[in-house]
Amino acid sequence: MSEMIVETSRDGRYRVRLEADQEPVNPRRDYDHLAHVITVPGSRYLDVDPDGGPLQEGWDRIKDRSDAPEVFARWAKIFHGAVIVEHTPHEGPRSLWYLLPEDIQEIGNTPEEALKTEIDEYQSWAEGDVWGFIVEKSVDWTRTDDEDETRTTWEMVDSCWGFIGYRYAEEAAREGFAAYLSA
């Protein structure tokens, strides 16, 4: 499903629809985030984040070991107070997501919940679950040389893109469309 009408005004003159974003922005590169990510080598996928954060150097020293993820997790927890979540999706790279104590002070929920939120956002983006909404107005056209020939088209009047997750996109579309319902 790459397009779906979300809502139409009562008079049928306006509608809002969702469309799959064809050029989504990678949330690890272009959005603010607190989590740091180490991608475990050996996968056929690109690194989640090319910068593994402040503990990248420690990872680089042991990354070729067969038990590197486990050793890194223990080391990061013991010596740096990190909270780590390993992510092993069916499709995608194996990765270690972590927060340091100074990162944890900035969050409003538990470190594990914060990491899960960032992982879910990244996974949704990687799976192509990124949307935009388009508000359209119904426009009637009449040919100047033949007034009996008319047609109706939908013309874009507003749009917004880059919503990661269908649910968030639908909420934003309904919110953005509210102004057109009273028009």
N, C-alpha and C. Protein backbone atom coordinates (compact mmCIF):
# COMPACT_ATOMS: atom_id res chain seq x y z
N MET A 1 0.85 -1.16 0.00
CA MET A 1 0.00 0.00 0.00
C MET A 1 0.90 1.23 0.00
N SER A 2 0.86 2.02 -1.07
CA SER A 2 1.69 3.21 -1.13
C SER A 2 0.88 4.49 -1.06
N GLU A 3 -0.46 4.41 -1.08
CA GLU A 3 -1.30 5.59 -1.00
C GLU A 3 -2.64 5.22 -0.38
N MET A 4 -3.17 6.12 0.47
CA MET A 4 -4.45 5.84 1.11
C MET A 4 -5.13 7.14 1.49
N ILE A 5 -6.41 7.27 1.16
CA ILE A 5 -7.17 8.44 1.56
C ILE A 5 -7.55 8.27 3.02
N VAL A 6 -7.24 9.28 3.83
CA VAL A 6 -7.47 9.23 5.26
C VAL A 6 -8.83 9.81 5.61
N GLU A 7 -9.15 10.96 5.01
CA GLU A 7 -10.38 11.65 5.36
C GLU A 7 -10.77 12.59 4.23
N THR A 8 -12.08 12.80 4.07
CA THR A 8 -12.62 13.74 3.09
C THR A 8 -13.58 14.67 3.82
N SER A 9 -13.60 15.94 3.43
CA SER A 9 -14.51 16.89 4.07
C SER A 9 -15.95 16.54 3.73
N ARG A 10 -16.88 17.01 4.55
CA ARG A 10 -18.30 16.67 4.35
C ARG A 10 -18.81 17.10 2.99
N ASP A 11 -18.35 18.26 2.52
CA ASP A 11 -18.81 18.73 1.22
C ASP A 11 -18.07 18.09 0.05
N GLY A 12 -17.06 17.27 0.34
CA GLY A 12 -16.33 16.56 -0.70
C GLY A 12 -15.33 17.42 -1.46
N ARG A 13 -15.09 18.62 -1.00
CA ARG A 13 -14.18 19.52 -1.71
C ARG A 13 -12.72 19.36 -1.29
N TYR A 14 -12.48 18.83 -0.11
CA TYR A 14 -11.11 18.63 0.36
C TYR A 14 -10.94 17.18 0.80
N ARG A 15 -9.71 16.72 0.68
CA ARG A 15 -9.37 15.40 1.20
C ARG A 15 -7.91 15.42 1.62
N VAL A 16 -7.57 14.46 2.48
CA VAL A 16 -6.17 14.28 2.87
C VAL A 16 -5.85 12.81 2.64
N ARG A 17 -4.67 12.59 2.10
CA ARG A 17 -4.25 11.22 1.84
C ARG A 17 -2.80 11.03 2.28
N LEU A 18 -2.48 9.79 2.55
CA LEU A 18 -1.11 9.42 2.90
C LEU A 18 -0.46 8.78 1.69
N GLU A 19 0.82 9.03 1.56
CA GLU A 19 1.57 8.43 0.47
C GLU A 19 2.94 8.01 1.01
N ALA A 20 3.43 6.88 0.56
CA ALA A 20 4.75 6.42 1.00
C ALA A 20 5.81 7.42 0.57
N ASP A 21 6.70 7.75 1.48
CA ASP A 21 7.79 8.70 1.20
C ASP A 21 8.84 7.98 0.35
N GLN A 22 9.09 8.48 -0.83
CA GLN A 22 10.03 7.84 -1.75
C GLN A 22 11.49 8.23 -1.47
N GLU A 23 11.71 9.28 -0.69
CA GLU A 23 13.06 9.72 -0.36
C GLU A 23 13.17 9.98 1.14
N PRO A 24 12.95 8.95 1.95
CA PRO A 24 12.96 9.18 3.40
C PRO A 24 14.36 9.50 3.93
N VAL A 25 14.38 10.32 4.94
CA VAL A 25 15.63 10.74 5.58
C VAL A 25 16.00 9.74 6.68
N ASN A 26 17.23 9.28 6.68
CA ASN A 26 17.71 8.35 7.69
C ASN A 26 17.71 9.02 9.06
N PRO A 27 16.92 8.51 10.00
CA PRO A 27 16.85 9.17 11.31
C PRO A 27 18.16 9.14 12.09
N ARG A 28 19.06 8.24 11.78
CA ARG A 28 20.35 8.18 12.48
C ARG A 28 21.30 9.26 11.98
N ARG A 29 21.05 9.80 10.82
CA ARG A 29 21.97 10.79 10.26
C ARG A 29 21.43 12.21 10.32
N ASP A 30 20.12 12.35 10.25
CA ASP A 30 19.57 13.70 10.12
C ASP A 30 18.66 14.15 11.26
N TYR A 31 18.42 13.31 12.25
CA TYR A 31 17.58 13.70 13.37
C TYR A 31 18.39 13.65 14.65
N ASP A 32 17.91 14.34 15.67
CA ASP A 32 18.55 14.26 16.98
C ASP A 32 18.26 12.90 17.61
N HIS A 33 19.23 12.35 18.27
CA HIS A 33 19.05 11.09 18.98
C HIS A 33 20.05 11.03 20.12
N LEU A 34 19.71 10.25 21.13
CA LEU A 34 20.60 10.10 22.28
C LEU A 34 21.42 8.82 22.22
N ALA A 35 20.86 7.79 21.63
CA ALA A 35 21.52 6.48 21.62
C ALA A 35 22.72 6.48 20.68
N HIS A 36 23.70 5.70 21.07
CA HIS A 36 24.87 5.44 20.22
C HIS A 36 24.72 4.01 19.72
N VAL A 37 25.23 3.74 18.52
CA VAL A 37 25.03 2.42 17.93
C VAL A 37 26.33 1.86 17.37
N ILE A 38 26.60 0.63 17.74
CA ILE A 38 27.72 -0.14 17.19
C ILE A 38 27.11 -1.22 16.30
N THR A 39 27.53 -1.28 15.05
CA THR A 39 27.05 -2.33 14.16
C THR A 39 28.05 -3.47 14.19
N VAL A 40 27.55 -4.67 14.46
CA VAL A 40 28.41 -5.85 14.53
C VAL A 40 28.80 -6.23 13.11
N PRO A 41 30.11 -6.39 12.83
CA PRO A 41 30.53 -6.72 11.47
C PRO A 41 30.06 -8.12 11.05
N GLY A 42 30.08 -8.32 9.77
CA GLY A 42 29.74 -9.64 9.24
C GLY A 42 28.36 -9.70 8.63
N SER A 43 27.64 -8.61 8.69
CA SER A 43 26.33 -8.63 8.06
C SER A 43 26.44 -8.05 6.66
N ARG A 44 25.46 -8.35 5.86
CA ARG A 44 25.46 -7.86 4.49
C ARG A 44 24.80 -6.49 4.39
N TYR A 45 24.49 -5.91 5.53
CA TYR A 45 23.80 -4.63 5.58
C TYR A 45 24.76 -3.50 5.90
N LEU A 46 24.34 -2.28 5.57
CA LEU A 46 25.12 -1.10 5.92
C LEU A 46 25.10 -0.90 7.43
N ASP A 47 26.09 -0.18 7.94
CA ASP A 47 26.12 0.14 9.35
C ASP A 47 24.90 0.99 9.71
N VAL A 48 24.35 0.75 10.88
CA VAL A 48 23.23 1.55 11.36
C VAL A 48 23.68 3.00 11.47
N ASP A 49 24.83 3.22 12.05
CA ASP A 49 25.37 4.56 12.22
C ASP A 49 26.88 4.45 12.00
N PRO A 50 27.44 5.25 11.11
CA PRO A 50 28.89 5.14 10.86
C PRO A 50 29.74 5.54 12.06
N ASP A 51 29.16 6.35 12.96
CA ASP A 51 29.86 6.78 14.17
C ASP A 51 29.30 5.99 15.35
N GLY A 52 30.09 5.12 15.91
CA GLY A 52 29.64 4.29 17.03
C GLY A 52 29.63 5.00 18.36
N GLY A 53 29.89 6.28 18.38
CA GLY A 53 29.81 7.04 19.62
C GLY A 53 31.10 6.99 20.42
N PRO A 54 31.02 7.42 21.67
CA PRO A 54 32.22 7.55 22.49
C PRO A 54 32.92 6.23 22.81
N LEU A 55 32.23 5.10 22.66
CA LEU A 55 32.87 3.81 22.97
C LEU A 55 33.33 3.08 21.71
N GLN A 56 33.33 3.76 20.57
CA GLN A 56 33.74 3.14 19.31
C GLN A 56 35.17 2.60 19.38
N GLU A 57 36.06 3.34 19.99
CA GLU A 57 37.46 2.90 20.06
C GLU A 57 37.58 1.58 20.82
N GLY A 58 36.84 1.44 21.90
CA GLY A 58 36.85 0.18 22.64
C GLY A 58 36.32 -0.97 21.79
N TRP A 59 35.26 -0.71 21.03
CA TRP A 59 34.72 -1.73 20.13
C TRP A 59 35.74 -2.11 19.07
N ASP A 60 36.41 -1.12 18.50
CA ASP A 60 37.39 -1.39 17.43
C ASP A 60 38.51 -2.31 17.90
N ARG A 61 38.83 -2.28 19.17
CA ARG A 61 39.91 -3.13 19.70
C ARG A 61 39.52 -4.61 19.78
N ILE A 62 38.21 -4.89 19.88
CA ILE A 62 37.79 -6.29 20.07
C ILE A 62 36.84 -6.80 19.00
N LYS A 63 36.50 -5.99 18.02
CA LYS A 63 35.43 -6.32 17.07
C LYS A 63 35.65 -7.61 16.27
N ASP A 64 36.89 -8.06 16.16
CA ASP A 64 37.16 -9.28 15.39
C ASP A 64 37.02 -10.55 16.21
N ARG A 65 36.79 -10.42 17.50
CA ARG A 65 36.61 -11.60 18.35
C ARG A 65 35.22 -12.19 18.11
N SER A 66 35.10 -13.49 18.26
CA SER A 66 33.79 -14.13 18.08
C SER A 66 32.81 -13.75 19.18
N ASP A 67 33.32 -13.40 20.37
CA ASP A 67 32.45 -13.00 21.48
C ASP A 67 32.45 -11.49 21.70
N ALA A 68 32.79 -10.73 20.68
CA ALA A 68 32.91 -9.27 20.80
C ALA A 68 31.66 -8.59 21.36
N PRO A 69 30.45 -8.92 20.90
CA PRO A 69 29.27 -8.22 21.45
C PRO A 69 29.11 -8.43 22.96
N GLU A 70 29.35 -9.65 23.41
CA GLU A 70 29.20 -9.94 24.84
C GLU A 70 30.29 -9.23 25.66
N VAL A 71 31.52 -9.27 25.16
CA VAL A 71 32.64 -8.63 25.87
C VAL A 71 32.42 -7.11 25.90
N PHE A 72 32.04 -6.55 24.78
CA PHE A 72 31.79 -5.12 24.71
C PHE A 72 30.69 -4.70 25.69
N ALA A 73 29.61 -5.46 25.72
CA ALA A 73 28.49 -5.14 26.60
C ALA A 73 28.93 -5.15 28.07
N ARG A 74 29.68 -6.17 28.47
CA ARG A 74 30.16 -6.24 29.85
C ARG A 74 31.09 -5.07 30.16
N TRP A 75 32.03 -4.81 29.27
CA TRP A 75 32.99 -3.72 29.46
C TRP A 75 32.28 -2.37 29.55
N ALA A 76 31.33 -2.12 28.66
CA ALA A 76 30.61 -0.84 28.64
C ALA A 76 29.78 -0.65 29.91
N LYS A 77 29.17 -1.74 30.39
CA LYS A 77 28.36 -1.64 31.62
C LYS A 77 29.25 -1.41 32.85
N ILE A 78 30.31 -2.19 32.97
CA ILE A 78 31.16 -2.14 34.16
C ILE A 78 31.98 -0.85 34.23
N PHE A 79 32.64 -0.50 33.14
CA PHE A 79 33.57 0.63 33.18
C PHE A 79 32.96 1.97 32.80
N HIS A 80 31.82 1.95 32.13
CA HIS A 80 31.23 3.22 31.66
C HIS A 80 29.79 3.42 32.12
N GLY A 81 29.21 2.46 32.82
CA GLY A 81 27.84 2.60 33.31
C GLY A 81 26.81 2.62 32.20
N ALA A 82 27.14 2.05 31.06
CA ALA A 82 26.24 2.08 29.90
C ALA A 82 25.07 1.12 30.08
N VAL A 83 23.95 1.49 29.49
CA VAL A 83 22.80 0.60 29.37
C VAL A 83 22.78 0.19 27.91
N ILE A 84 22.79 -1.13 27.66
CA ILE A 84 22.93 -1.64 26.30
C ILE A 84 21.76 -2.56 25.95
N VAL A 85 21.28 -2.41 24.72
CA VAL A 85 20.27 -3.30 24.17
C VAL A 85 20.81 -3.82 22.84
N GLU A 86 20.81 -5.13 22.70
CA GLU A 86 21.23 -5.72 21.43
C GLU A 86 20.02 -5.86 20.53
N HIS A 87 20.20 -5.49 19.27
CA HIS A 87 19.10 -5.57 18.30
C HIS A 87 19.51 -6.53 17.19
N THR A 88 18.73 -7.59 17.02
CA THR A 88 19.01 -8.58 15.99
C THR A 88 17.74 -8.83 15.17
N PRO A 89 17.43 -7.92 14.24
CA PRO A 89 16.21 -8.08 13.44
C PRO A 89 16.36 -9.23 12.44
N HIS A 90 15.23 -9.73 11.99
CA HIS A 90 15.24 -10.78 10.98
C HIS A 90 15.91 -10.27 9.70
N GLU A 91 15.55 -9.06 9.31
CA GLU A 91 16.18 -8.41 8.16
C GLU A 91 16.85 -7.14 8.65
N GLY A 92 18.14 -7.08 8.58
CA GLY A 92 18.87 -5.90 9.03
C GLY A 92 20.11 -6.29 9.81
N PRO A 93 20.96 -5.32 10.09
CA PRO A 93 22.22 -5.63 10.78
C PRO A 93 22.04 -5.87 12.27
N ARG A 94 22.88 -6.74 12.80
CA ARG A 94 22.95 -6.93 14.25
C ARG A 94 23.66 -5.71 14.81
N SER A 95 23.10 -5.14 15.88
CA SER A 95 23.69 -3.92 16.41
C SER A 95 23.53 -3.84 17.92
N LEU A 96 24.40 -3.04 18.53
CA LEU A 96 24.40 -2.79 19.97
C LEU A 96 24.07 -1.31 20.17
N TRP A 97 22.94 -1.05 20.79
CA TRP A 97 22.49 0.31 21.06
C TRP A 97 22.78 0.62 22.53
N TYR A 98 23.38 1.76 22.81
CA TYR A 98 23.71 2.05 24.20
C TYR A 98 23.53 3.53 24.56
N LEU A 99 23.30 3.73 25.84
CA LEU A 99 23.24 5.06 26.43
C LEU A 99 24.25 5.11 27.56
N LEU A 100 24.91 6.22 27.69
CA LEU A 100 25.84 6.45 28.79
C LEU A 100 25.12 7.23 29.90
N PRO A 101 25.67 7.25 31.12
CA PRO A 101 24.99 7.96 32.23
C PRO A 101 24.62 9.40 31.89
N GLU A 102 25.49 10.12 31.19
CA GLU A 102 25.16 11.52 30.85
C GLU A 102 24.01 11.60 29.83
N ASP A 103 23.83 10.56 29.02
CA ASP A 103 22.70 10.52 28.08
C ASP A 103 21.40 10.23 28.84
N ILE A 104 21.49 9.38 29.83
CA ILE A 104 20.31 8.93 30.58
C ILE A 104 19.67 10.09 31.34
N GLN A 105 20.46 11.06 31.76
CA GLN A 105 19.92 12.21 32.48
C GLN A 105 18.96 13.02 31.63
N GLU A 106 19.07 12.94 30.30
CA GLU A 106 18.26 13.75 29.40
C GLU A 106 16.93 13.10 29.01
N ILE A 107 16.71 11.85 29.40
CA ILE A 107 15.49 11.17 28.95
C ILE A 107 14.40 11.23 30.01
N GLY A 108 13.15 11.10 29.55
CA GLY A 108 12.03 11.16 30.46
C GLY A 108 11.47 9.81 30.84
N ASN A 109 12.03 8.75 30.30
CA ASN A 109 11.56 7.40 30.63
C ASN A 109 12.77 6.54 30.97
N THR A 110 12.59 5.23 31.08
CA THR A 110 13.72 4.37 31.42
C THR A 110 14.68 4.28 30.24
N PRO A 111 15.94 4.00 30.51
CA PRO A 111 16.91 3.87 29.41
C PRO A 111 16.51 2.79 28.40
N GLU A 112 15.98 1.68 28.90
CA GLU A 112 15.57 0.60 27.99
C GLU A 112 14.43 1.04 27.07
N GLU A 113 13.47 1.82 27.63
CA GLU A 113 12.37 2.32 26.80
C GLU A 113 12.88 3.32 25.76
N ALA A 114 13.81 4.18 26.17
CA ALA A 114 14.38 5.15 25.24
C ALA A 114 15.12 4.45 24.10
N LEU A 115 15.88 3.42 24.44
CA LEU A 115 16.59 2.66 23.41
C LEU A 115 15.61 1.95 22.49
N LYS A 116 14.57 1.35 23.06
CA LYS A 116 13.57 0.66 22.25
C LYS A 116 12.89 1.62 21.28
N THR A 117 12.60 2.83 21.74
CA THR A 117 11.97 3.83 20.88
C THR A 117 12.87 4.16 19.69
N GLU A 118 14.15 4.37 19.95
CA GLU A 118 15.07 4.70 18.85
C GLU A 118 15.27 3.51 17.91
N ILE A 119 15.32 2.31 18.48
CA ILE A 119 15.46 1.11 17.64
C ILE A 119 14.23 0.96 16.75
N ASP A 120 13.05 1.11 17.34
CA ASP A 120 11.81 0.97 16.57
C ASP A 120 11.73 2.01 15.45
N GLU A 121 12.14 3.24 15.76
CA GLU A 121 12.13 4.29 14.75
C GLU A 121 13.06 3.93 13.59
N TYR A 122 14.27 3.50 13.93
CA TYR A 122 15.23 3.14 12.89
C TYR A 122 14.72 1.95 12.06
N GLN A 123 14.19 0.94 12.73
CA GLN A 123 13.72 -0.26 12.03
C GLN A 123 12.56 0.09 11.09
N SER A 124 11.65 0.94 11.56
CA SER A 124 10.54 1.37 10.70
C SER A 124 11.07 2.09 9.46
N TRP A 125 12.04 2.98 9.67
CA TRP A 125 12.64 3.67 8.53
C TRP A 125 13.30 2.67 7.58
N ALA A 126 14.07 1.74 8.12
CA ALA A 126 14.78 0.76 7.29
C ALA A 126 13.82 -0.12 6.49
N GLU A 127 12.64 -0.36 7.04
CA GLU A 127 11.64 -1.18 6.35
C GLU A 127 10.76 -0.36 5.40
N GLY A 128 11.01 0.94 5.31
CA GLY A 128 10.26 1.79 4.39
C GLY A 128 8.93 2.30 4.92
N ASP A 129 8.74 2.24 6.23
CA ASP A 129 7.50 2.70 6.84
C ASP A 129 7.59 4.20 7.12
N VAL A 130 7.75 4.99 6.04
CA VAL A 130 7.88 6.44 6.13
C VAL A 130 6.85 7.05 5.19
N TRP A 131 6.12 8.05 5.68
CA TRP A 131 4.95 8.57 4.97
C TRP A 131 4.94 10.08 4.91
N GLY A 132 4.14 10.56 3.99
CA GLY A 132 3.83 11.98 3.92
C GLY A 132 2.33 12.13 3.75
N PHE A 133 1.81 13.29 4.13
CA PHE A 133 0.39 13.52 3.87
C PHE A 133 0.24 14.67 2.88
N ILE A 134 -0.82 14.59 2.09
CA ILE A 134 -1.11 15.58 1.07
C ILE A 134 -2.57 16.00 1.23
N VAL A 135 -2.79 17.29 1.41
CA VAL A 135 -4.15 17.83 1.44
C VAL A 135 -4.45 18.32 0.03
N GLU A 136 -5.60 17.90 -0.48
CA GLU A 136 -5.98 18.26 -1.84
C GLU A 136 -7.37 18.90 -1.88
N LYS A 137 -7.57 19.75 -2.85
CA LYS A 137 -8.85 20.41 -3.07
C LYS A 137 -9.40 19.95 -4.42
N SER A 138 -10.68 19.67 -4.46
CA SER A 138 -11.35 19.29 -5.70
C SER A 138 -11.56 20.56 -6.54
N VAL A 139 -11.08 20.54 -7.76
CA VAL A 139 -11.19 21.69 -8.65
C VAL A 139 -11.93 21.28 -9.91
N ASP A 140 -12.94 22.06 -10.26
CA ASP A 140 -13.72 21.80 -11.48
C ASP A 140 -13.15 22.66 -12.60
N TRP A 141 -13.00 22.04 -13.76
CA TRP A 141 -12.44 22.72 -14.93
C TRP A 141 -13.48 22.69 -16.05
N THR A 142 -13.52 23.79 -16.78
CA THR A 142 -14.38 23.87 -17.96
C THR A 142 -13.52 24.39 -19.11
N ARG A 143 -13.65 23.75 -20.25
CA ARG A 143 -12.89 24.20 -21.42
C ARG A 143 -13.43 25.55 -21.89
N THR A 144 -12.54 26.43 -22.27
CA THR A 144 -12.98 27.75 -22.72
C THR A 144 -13.64 27.69 -24.10
N ASP A 145 -13.25 26.72 -24.91
CA ASP A 145 -13.84 26.63 -26.25
C ASP A 145 -15.01 25.65 -26.33
N ASP A 146 -15.30 24.96 -25.23
CA ASP A 146 -16.44 24.03 -25.21
C ASP A 146 -16.93 23.92 -23.77
N GLU A 147 -17.91 24.74 -23.41
CA GLU A 147 -18.39 24.80 -22.03
C GLU A 147 -19.10 23.52 -21.58
N ASP A 148 -19.42 22.64 -22.50
CA ASP A 148 -20.06 21.38 -22.13
C ASP A 148 -19.03 20.35 -21.65
N GLU A 149 -17.78 20.59 -21.94
CA GLU A 149 -16.74 19.65 -21.53
C GLU A 149 -16.10 20.13 -20.23
N THR A 150 -16.29 19.38 -19.17
CA THR A 150 -15.75 19.72 -17.86
C THR A 150 -15.02 18.51 -17.28
N ARG A 151 -14.23 18.78 -16.30
CA ARG A 151 -13.57 17.69 -15.56
C ARG A 151 -13.26 18.18 -14.16
N THR A 152 -13.04 17.25 -13.28
CA THR A 152 -12.70 17.55 -11.89
C THR A 152 -11.38 16.88 -11.57
N THR A 153 -10.48 17.64 -10.97
CA THR A 153 -9.19 17.08 -10.56
C THR A 153 -8.93 17.44 -9.10
N TRP A 154 -7.98 16.76 -8.52
CA TRP A 154 -7.55 17.06 -7.16
C TRP A 154 -6.23 17.82 -7.26
N GLU A 155 -6.20 19.01 -6.67
CA GLU A 155 -5.01 19.86 -6.69
C GLU A 155 -4.44 19.94 -5.27
N MET A 156 -3.13 19.79 -5.16
CA MET A 156 -2.49 19.83 -3.85
C MET A 156 -2.52 21.26 -3.29
N VAL A 157 -2.90 21.38 -2.02
CA VAL A 157 -2.87 22.68 -1.35
C VAL A 157 -1.91 22.68 -0.15
N ASP A 158 -1.53 21.50 0.33
CA ASP A 158 -0.62 21.41 1.47
C ASP A 158 -0.04 20.01 1.52
N SER A 159 1.16 19.89 2.08
CA SER A 159 1.76 18.57 2.28
C SER A 159 2.85 18.64 3.33
N CYS A 160 3.16 17.50 3.89
CA CYS A 160 4.24 17.39 4.86
C CYS A 160 4.75 15.94 4.80
N TRP A 161 6.07 15.78 4.85
CA TRP A 161 6.69 14.46 4.64
C TRP A 161 7.60 14.07 5.78
N GLY A 162 7.96 12.80 5.80
CA GLY A 162 8.97 12.31 6.73
C GLY A 162 8.45 11.74 8.03
N PHE A 163 7.20 11.30 8.06
CA PHE A 163 6.65 10.71 9.28
C PHE A 163 7.01 9.23 9.32
N ILE A 164 7.77 8.84 10.33
CA ILE A 164 8.21 7.46 10.45
C ILE A 164 7.16 6.71 11.25
N GLY A 165 6.52 5.76 10.59
CA GLY A 165 5.45 4.98 11.20
C GLY A 165 4.10 5.46 10.70
N TYR A 166 3.31 4.53 10.20
CA TYR A 166 2.01 4.87 9.62
C TYR A 166 1.10 5.56 10.63
N ARG A 167 1.08 5.07 11.85
CA ARG A 167 0.20 5.65 12.87
C ARG A 167 0.50 7.13 13.09
N TYR A 168 1.78 7.49 13.18
CA TYR A 168 2.15 8.89 13.38
C TYR A 168 1.77 9.74 12.17
N ALA A 169 1.95 9.19 10.99
CA ALA A 169 1.59 9.92 9.78
C ALA A 169 0.10 10.17 9.71
N GLU A 170 -0.70 9.18 10.09
CA GLU A 170 -2.15 9.35 10.06
C GLU A 170 -2.59 10.40 11.08
N GLU A 171 -2.02 10.39 12.27
CA GLU A 171 -2.34 11.40 13.28
C GLU A 171 -1.99 12.80 12.78
N ALA A 172 -0.82 12.95 12.19
CA ALA A 172 -0.39 14.26 11.68
C ALA A 172 -1.29 14.70 10.53
N ALA A 173 -1.69 13.77 9.68
CA ALA A 173 -2.56 14.10 8.55
C ALA A 173 -3.90 14.62 9.05
N ARG A 174 -4.47 13.94 10.02
CA ARG A 174 -5.77 14.39 10.57
C ARG A 174 -5.62 15.76 11.25
N GLU A 175 -4.53 15.96 11.94
CA GLU A 175 -4.29 17.25 12.59
C GLU A 175 -4.11 18.36 11.55
N GLY A 176 -3.33 18.09 10.52
CA GLY A 176 -3.11 19.07 9.46
C GLY A 176 -4.37 19.36 8.65
N PHE A 177 -5.25 18.37 8.56
CA PHE A 177 -6.47 18.49 7.77
C PHE A 177 -7.58 19.24 8.52
N ALA A 178 -7.48 19.33 9.82
CA ALA A 178 -8.53 19.95 10.64
C ALA A 178 -8.86 21.37 10.17
N ALA A 179 -7.86 22.14 9.76
CA ALA A 179 -8.09 23.51 9.31
C ALA A 179 -8.95 23.55 8.04
N TYR A 180 -8.85 22.51 7.23
CA TYR A 180 -9.62 22.48 5.98
C TYR A 180 -11.05 22.01 6.19
N LEU A 181 -11.30 21.37 7.30
CA LEU A 181 -12.66 20.91 7.59
C LEU A 181 -13.57 22.08 7.91
N SER A 182 -13.02 23.13 8.49
CA SER A 182 -13.83 24.30 8.85
C SER A 182 -13.87 25.34 7.72
N ALA A 183 -13.14 25.09 6.65
CA ALA A 183 -13.09 26.06 5.53
C ALA A 183 -14.37 26.06 4.71
